[in-house]
Amino acid sequence: MIEQGLIAVAGLDVYADEPNVPERLLRLDNAVLLSNLAAYFETGRVKVLEPSAT
């Protein structure tokens, strides 16, 4: 959808095959790619770590 122009701009921080980012996304001028930011926030850490603690 980004490539077809249906989405004007996107900020992405989660990818289907982390840590591998699809090459086609790296070439887009209308996408900002970040590392997964969920772990930097308390709620994200809880959601990730809680299932492994039980």
C-alpha atoms as a PDB file:
ATOM      1  CA  MET A   1       0.000   0.000   0.000  1.00  0.00           C
ATOM      2  CA  ILE A   2       2.881   2.357   0.706  1.00  0.00           C
ATOM      3  CA  GLU A   3       4.524   1.504  -2.587  1.00  0.00           C
ATOM      4  CA  GLN A   4       1.280   2.082  -4.517  1.00  0.00           C
ATOM      5  CA  GLY A   5       0.728   5.495  -2.930  1.00  0.00           C
ATOM      6  CA  LEU A   6      -2.395   4.468  -0.986  1.00  0.00           C
ATOM      7  CA  ILE A   7      -0.527   5.425   2.188  1.00  0.00           C
ATOM      8  CA  ALA A   8       1.286   8.741   1.803  1.00  0.00           C
ATOM      9  CA  VAL A   9       3.874   8.219   4.531  1.00  0.00           C
ATOM     10  CA  ALA A  10       4.569   5.588   7.187  1.00  0.00           C
ATOM     11  CA  GLY A  11       6.686   5.148  10.278  1.00  0.00           C
ATOM     12  CA  LEU A  12       7.494   1.489  10.916  1.00  0.00           C
ATOM     13  CA  ASP A  13       9.176  -0.144  13.896  1.00  0.00           C
ATOM     14  CA  VAL A  14       7.968  -3.761  13.790  1.00  0.00           C
ATOM     15  CA  TYR A  15       8.752  -6.161  10.954  1.00  0.00           C
ATOM     16  CA  ALA A  16       7.504  -9.677  10.208  1.00  0.00           C
ATOM     17  CA  ASP A  17      11.009 -11.163  10.113  1.00  0.00           C
ATOM     18  CA  GLU A  18      12.961  -9.160  12.679  1.00  0.00           C
ATOM     19  CA  PRO A  19      15.754  -8.190  12.660  1.00  0.00           C
ATOM     20  CA  ASN A  20      15.634  -8.496   8.869  1.00  0.00           C
ATOM     21  CA  VAL A  21      13.975  -5.523   7.183  1.00  0.00           C
ATOM     22  CA  PRO A  22      12.719  -6.151   3.638  1.00  0.00           C
ATOM     23  CA  GLU A  23      15.001  -4.510   1.079  1.00  0.00           C
ATOM     24  CA  ARG A  24      12.036  -2.893  -0.694  1.00  0.00           C
ATOM     25  CA  LEU A  25      11.160  -0.958   2.483  1.00  0.00           C
ATOM     26  CA  LEU A  26      14.702   0.370   2.763  1.00  0.00           C
ATOM     27  CA  ARG A  27      14.360   1.973  -0.681  1.00  0.00           C
ATOM     28  CA  LEU A  28      11.155   3.905   0.067  1.00  0.00           C
ATOM     29  CA  ASP A  29      11.401   7.680   0.364  1.00  0.00           C
ATOM     30  CA  ASN A  30       8.042   7.906   2.149  1.00  0.00           C
ATOM     31  CA  ALA A  31       8.815   5.504   5.013  1.00  0.00           C
ATOM     32  CA  VAL A  32      10.751   6.070   8.222  1.00  0.00           C
ATOM     33  CA  LEU A  33      12.158   2.809   9.582  1.00  0.00           C
ATOM     34  CA  LEU A  34      13.104   2.408  13.237  1.00  0.00           C
ATOM     35  CA  SER A  35      14.138  -0.448  15.466  1.00  0.00           C
ATOM     36  CA  ASN A  36      11.362  -2.009  17.541  1.00  0.00           C
ATOM     37  CA  LEU A  37      10.561   0.621  20.181  1.00  0.00           C
ATOM     38  CA  ALA A  38       8.119  -1.372  22.344  1.00  0.00           C
ATOM     39  CA  ALA A  39      10.879  -2.582  24.664  1.00  0.00           C
ATOM     40  CA  TYR A  40      11.783   1.010  25.548  1.00  0.00           C
ATOM     41  CA  PHE A  41       8.427   1.620  27.237  1.00  0.00           C
ATOM     42  CA  GLU A  42       7.270   0.067  30.503  1.00  0.00           C
ATOM     43  CA  THR A  43       4.008  -1.262  29.024  1.00  0.00           C
ATOM     44  CA  GLY A  44       5.898  -2.893  26.167  1.00  0.00           C
ATOM     45  CA  ARG A  45       8.336  -4.609  28.508  1.00  0.00           C
ATOM     46  CA  VAL A  46       5.501  -5.921  30.659  1.00  0.00           C
ATOM     47  CA  LYS A  47       3.663  -7.350  27.642  1.00  0.00           C
ATOM     48  CA  VAL A  48       6.825  -9.044  26.391  1.00  0.00           C
ATOM     49  CA  LEU A  49       8.164 -10.340  29.703  1.00  0.00           C
ATOM     50  CA  GLU A  50       4.952 -11.238  31.561  1.00  0.00           C
ATOM     51  CA  PRO A  51       4.099 -14.397  29.546  1.00  0.00           C
ATOM     52  CA  SER A  52       7.583 -15.822  30.088  1.00  0.00           C
ATOM     53  CA  ALA A  53       7.336 -15.276  33.851  1.00  0.00           C
ATOM     54  CA  THR A  54       4.259 -17.468  34.268  1.00  0.00           C
END
